[in-house]
Amino acid sequence: MLRKLALLLVIVIPISAYSATKYEIEAAVNDEKFFINDELFEAKTYCLGWEEGDMVIFLEGRANGICTTATLYNVDKEEKCEVWCE
């Protein structure tokens, strides 16, 4: 019974509901400043090796910069980094 319910949910719920929105790093400066979605984010320490063109997902915080802090996940590097929202 539970398997049928789970299968029904997978069929009914669109795949897009499972995927997070990815954003491209538009510019990166010294592993610490990143322009994403036309907003500036500054690393709390460093996001080593993160560069222009990498794709990120916002695990916490907002891509529109209206936040105090955010946690980004770099899809290309498979790493998380804490940033300040500007």
Protein backbone atom coordinates (compact mmCIF):
# COMPACT_ATOMS: atom_id res chain seq x y z
CA MET A 1 0.00 0.00 0.00
CA LEU A 2 2.76 2.46 0.94
CA ARG A 3 4.67 1.67 -2.26
CA LYS A 4 1.61 2.47 -4.36
CA LEU A 5 1.14 5.75 -2.51
CA ALA A 6 4.80 6.69 -2.97
CA LEU A 7 4.63 5.85 -6.67
CA LEU A 8 1.48 7.91 -7.06
CA LEU A 9 3.17 10.90 -5.39
CA VAL A 10 6.18 10.62 -7.70
CA ILE A 11 3.90 10.61 -10.72
CA VAL A 12 1.65 13.44 -9.53
CA ILE A 13 4.28 15.85 -8.15
CA PRO A 14 6.24 17.52 -10.98
CA ILE A 15 9.96 16.83 -11.13
CA SER A 16 10.69 20.58 -10.86
CA ALA A 17 9.42 20.46 -7.28
CA TYR A 18 12.45 18.33 -6.42
CA SER A 19 15.10 20.56 -7.99
CA ALA A 20 16.53 23.74 -6.52
CA THR A 21 17.13 26.83 -8.63
CA LYS A 22 20.73 27.13 -9.77
CA TYR A 23 22.45 30.47 -10.17
CA GLU A 24 25.64 31.24 -12.05
CA ILE A 25 28.48 33.11 -10.38
CA GLU A 26 28.64 36.17 -12.65
CA ALA A 27 31.95 37.44 -11.23
CA ALA A 28 34.34 36.33 -8.49
CA VAL A 29 37.06 38.35 -6.74
CA ASN A 30 39.84 36.78 -4.62
CA ASP A 31 37.77 33.79 -3.44
CA GLU A 32 35.73 36.14 -1.25
CA LYS A 33 33.37 38.35 -3.28
CA PHE A 34 30.79 36.94 -5.65
CA PHE A 35 28.20 38.52 -7.88
CA ILE A 36 25.23 36.18 -8.19
CA ASN A 37 21.86 37.16 -9.61
CA ASP A 38 23.17 40.76 -9.91
CA GLU A 39 23.78 40.85 -6.13
CA LEU A 40 27.03 40.98 -4.14
CA PHE A 41 27.79 38.23 -1.61
CA GLU A 42 30.95 38.23 0.53
CA ALA A 43 32.46 35.07 2.01
CA LYS A 44 32.63 34.87 5.79
CA THR A 45 36.11 33.35 5.37
CA TYR A 46 36.99 32.20 1.84
CA CYS A 47 35.29 30.08 -0.80
CA LEU A 48 38.53 28.70 -2.24
CA GLY A 49 38.55 28.12 -5.96
CA TRP A 50 35.03 29.40 -6.58
CA GLU A 51 35.02 31.24 -9.87
CA GLU A 52 32.97 32.92 -12.53
CA GLY A 53 30.73 30.46 -14.34
CA ASP A 54 30.33 28.05 -11.39
CA MET A 55 26.72 27.14 -10.59
CA VAL A 56 25.44 27.57 -7.02
CA ILE A 57 22.28 26.75 -5.07
CA PHE A 58 21.10 28.78 -2.08
CA LEU A 59 20.67 26.33 0.81
CA GLU A 60 19.90 29.23 3.17
CA GLY A 61 19.39 32.90 2.46
CA ARG A 62 18.02 34.50 -0.69
CA ALA A 63 19.37 35.03 -4.17
CA ASN A 64 17.94 38.55 -4.23
CA GLY A 65 20.39 39.59 -1.49
CA ILE A 66 17.67 40.36 1.05
CA CYS A 67 19.25 38.42 3.91
CA THR A 68 21.94 38.76 6.55
CA THR A 69 23.80 35.56 5.72
CA ALA A 70 23.44 32.75 3.23
CA THR A 71 24.79 29.27 2.70
CA LEU A 72 25.73 28.50 -0.88
CA TYR A 73 26.37 25.10 -2.41
CA ASN A 74 28.69 25.09 -5.41
CA VAL A 75 27.33 22.39 -7.72
CA ASP A 76 30.54 22.28 -9.78
CA LYS A 77 32.90 21.97 -6.79
CA GLU A 78 30.46 20.07 -4.52
CA GLU A 79 31.24 22.41 -1.61
CA LYS A 80 29.32 24.69 0.75
CA CYS A 81 30.35 28.21 1.73
CA GLU A 82 28.93 30.73 4.18
CA VAL A 83 28.52 34.28 2.86
CA TRP A 84 27.28 37.67 3.99
CA CYS A 85 24.51 39.24 1.97
CA GLU A 86 25.30 42.84 0.98
